């Protein structure tokens, strides 16, 4: 398994689609721990907000909830 390198993300804005999923939520947490700001993108506001609150309780509150379906161009715009 290849390890993801997170050097250089400090202060950068990273957009994570499917952010509330099991795999992506772990990636989001790692990005935040390395100093990135993360836009949480997904189709379900409640799941995204739940994730944002859980991260904030860990001191990782530099997130923005963005509800959108990446397959729907109008929703992304």
C-alpha atoms as a PDB file:
ATOM      1  CA  UNK A   1       0.000   0.000   0.000  1.00  0.00           C
ATOM      2  CA  UNK A   2       1.363   3.401  -0.971  1.00  0.00           C
ATOM      3  CA  UNK A   3       1.528   6.029   1.769  1.00  0.00           C
ATOM      4  CA  UNK A   4       0.072   9.448   0.971  1.00  0.00           C
ATOM      5  CA  UNK A   5       2.545  12.309   1.462  1.00  0.00           C
ATOM      6  CA  UNK A   6       0.975  15.330   3.089  1.00  0.00           C
ATOM      7  CA  UNK A   7       3.952  17.683   3.168  1.00  0.00           C
ATOM      8  CA  UNK A   8       3.204  21.070   1.682  1.00  0.00           C
ATOM      9  CA  UNK A   9      -0.529  21.199   2.466  1.00  0.00           C
ATOM     10  CA  UNK A  10      -0.166  23.600   5.381  1.00  0.00           C
ATOM     11  CA  UNK A  11      -2.242  26.727   4.711  1.00  0.00           C
ATOM     12  CA  UNK A  12      -3.643  25.302   1.468  1.00  0.00           C
ATOM     13  CA  UNK A  13      -7.336  24.805   0.748  1.00  0.00           C
ATOM     14  CA  UNK A  14      -8.187  21.226  -0.179  1.00  0.00           C
ATOM     15  CA  UNK A  15     -11.560  20.166  -1.595  1.00  0.00           C
ATOM     16  CA  UNK A  16     -12.582  16.638  -0.614  1.00  0.00           C
ATOM     17  CA  UNK A  17     -15.573  15.119  -2.374  1.00  0.00           C
ATOM     18  CA  UNK A  18     -17.427  12.378  -0.566  1.00  0.00           C
ATOM     19  CA  UNK A  19     -15.912  13.865   2.586  1.00  0.00           C
ATOM     20  CA  UNK A  20     -18.348  12.229   5.022  1.00  0.00           C
ATOM     21  CA  UNK A  21     -17.546   8.720   3.800  1.00  0.00           C
ATOM     22  CA  UNK A  22     -15.408   6.328   5.829  1.00  0.00           C
ATOM     23  CA  UNK A  23     -12.251   6.632   3.727  1.00  0.00           C
ATOM     24  CA  UNK A  24     -12.497  10.317   2.859  1.00  0.00           C
ATOM     25  CA  UNK A  25     -13.289  11.393   6.421  1.00  0.00           C
ATOM     26  CA  UNK A  26      -9.978   9.829   7.497  1.00  0.00           C
ATOM     27  CA  UNK A  27      -8.192  11.687   4.706  1.00  0.00           C
ATOM     28  CA  UNK A  28      -9.891  14.925   5.806  1.00  0.00           C
ATOM     29  CA  UNK A  29      -8.684  14.451   9.381  1.00  0.00           C
ATOM     30  CA  UNK A  30      -5.106  13.835   8.231  1.00  0.00           C
ATOM     31  CA  UNK A  31      -5.183  16.897   5.981  1.00  0.00           C
ATOM     32  CA  UNK A  32      -6.398  19.058   8.873  1.00  0.00           C
ATOM     33  CA  UNK A  33      -3.731  17.657  11.193  1.00  0.00           C
ATOM     34  CA  UNK A  34      -1.135  18.722   8.604  1.00  0.00           C
ATOM     35  CA  UNK A  35      -2.469  22.300   8.536  1.00  0.00           C
ATOM     36  CA  UNK A  36      -4.734  22.283   5.492  1.00  0.00           C
ATOM     37  CA  UNK A  37      -8.105  24.002   5.324  1.00  0.00           C
ATOM     38  CA  UNK A  38     -10.688  21.577   3.978  1.00  0.00           C
ATOM     39  CA  UNK A  39     -13.906  22.059   2.024  1.00  0.00           C
ATOM     40  CA  UNK A  40     -16.150  19.126   2.906  1.00  0.00           C
ATOM     41  CA  UNK A  41     -18.191  18.309  -0.201  1.00  0.00           C
ATOM     42  CA  UNK A  42     -21.021  15.790  -0.303  1.00  0.00           C
ATOM     43  CA  UNK A  43     -24.693  15.315  -1.046  1.00  0.00           C
ATOM     44  CA  UNK A  44     -26.008  15.107   2.519  1.00  0.00           C
ATOM     45  CA  UNK A  45     -25.741  18.220   4.698  1.00  0.00           C
ATOM     46  CA  UNK A  46     -26.481  16.327   7.929  1.00  0.00           C
ATOM     47  CA  UNK A  47     -23.561  13.925   7.402  1.00  0.00           C
ATOM     48  CA  UNK A  48     -21.175  16.744   6.502  1.00  0.00           C
ATOM     49  CA  UNK A  49     -22.206  18.808   9.527  1.00  0.00           C
ATOM     50  CA  UNK A  50     -21.856  15.782  11.804  1.00  0.00           C
ATOM     51  CA  UNK A  51     -18.313  15.268  10.489  1.00  0.00           C
ATOM     52  CA  UNK A  52     -17.453  18.970  10.899  1.00  0.00           C
ATOM     53  CA  UNK A  53     -18.669  18.910  14.515  1.00  0.00           C
ATOM     54  CA  UNK A  54     -16.746  15.726  15.305  1.00  0.00           C
ATOM     55  CA  UNK A  55     -13.581  17.241  13.845  1.00  0.00           C
ATOM     56  CA  UNK A  56     -14.119  20.488  15.766  1.00  0.00           C
ATOM     57  CA  UNK A  57     -14.323  18.504  19.024  1.00  0.00           C
ATOM     58  CA  UNK A  58     -10.823  17.222  18.175  1.00  0.00           C
ATOM     59  CA  UNK A  59      -9.605  20.785  17.611  1.00  0.00           C
ATOM     60  CA  UNK A  60      -9.757  20.442  13.830  1.00  0.00           C
ATOM     61  CA  UNK A  61     -12.303  23.102  12.944  1.00  0.00           C
ATOM     62  CA  UNK A  62     -10.823  24.621   9.774  1.00  0.00           C
ATOM     63  CA  UNK A  63     -13.563  23.196   7.540  1.00  0.00           C
ATOM     64  CA  UNK A  64     -16.314  24.463   5.277  1.00  0.00           C
ATOM     65  CA  UNK A  65     -19.437  22.384   4.566  1.00  0.00           C
ATOM     66  CA  UNK A  66     -20.411  22.440   0.875  1.00  0.00           C
ATOM     67  CA  UNK A  67     -23.475  20.468  -0.167  1.00  0.00           C
ATOM     68  CA  UNK A  68     -23.246  19.416  -3.809  1.00  0.00           C
ATOM     69  CA  UNK A  69     -23.442  16.430  -6.109  1.00  0.00           C
ATOM     70  CA  UNK A  70     -20.226  16.340  -8.136  1.00  0.00           C
ATOM     71  CA  UNK A  71     -22.122  14.747 -11.019  1.00  0.00           C
ATOM     72  CA  UNK A  72     -24.490  17.737 -11.181  1.00  0.00           C
ATOM     73  CA  UNK A  73     -22.717  20.675 -12.812  1.00  0.00           C
ATOM     74  CA  UNK A  74     -25.376  23.190 -11.737  1.00  0.00           C
ATOM     75  CA  UNK A  75     -25.065  22.085  -8.106  1.00  0.00           C
ATOM     76  CA  UNK A  76     -21.306  22.613  -8.213  1.00  0.00           C
ATOM     77  CA  UNK A  77     -21.577  26.073  -9.721  1.00  0.00           C
END
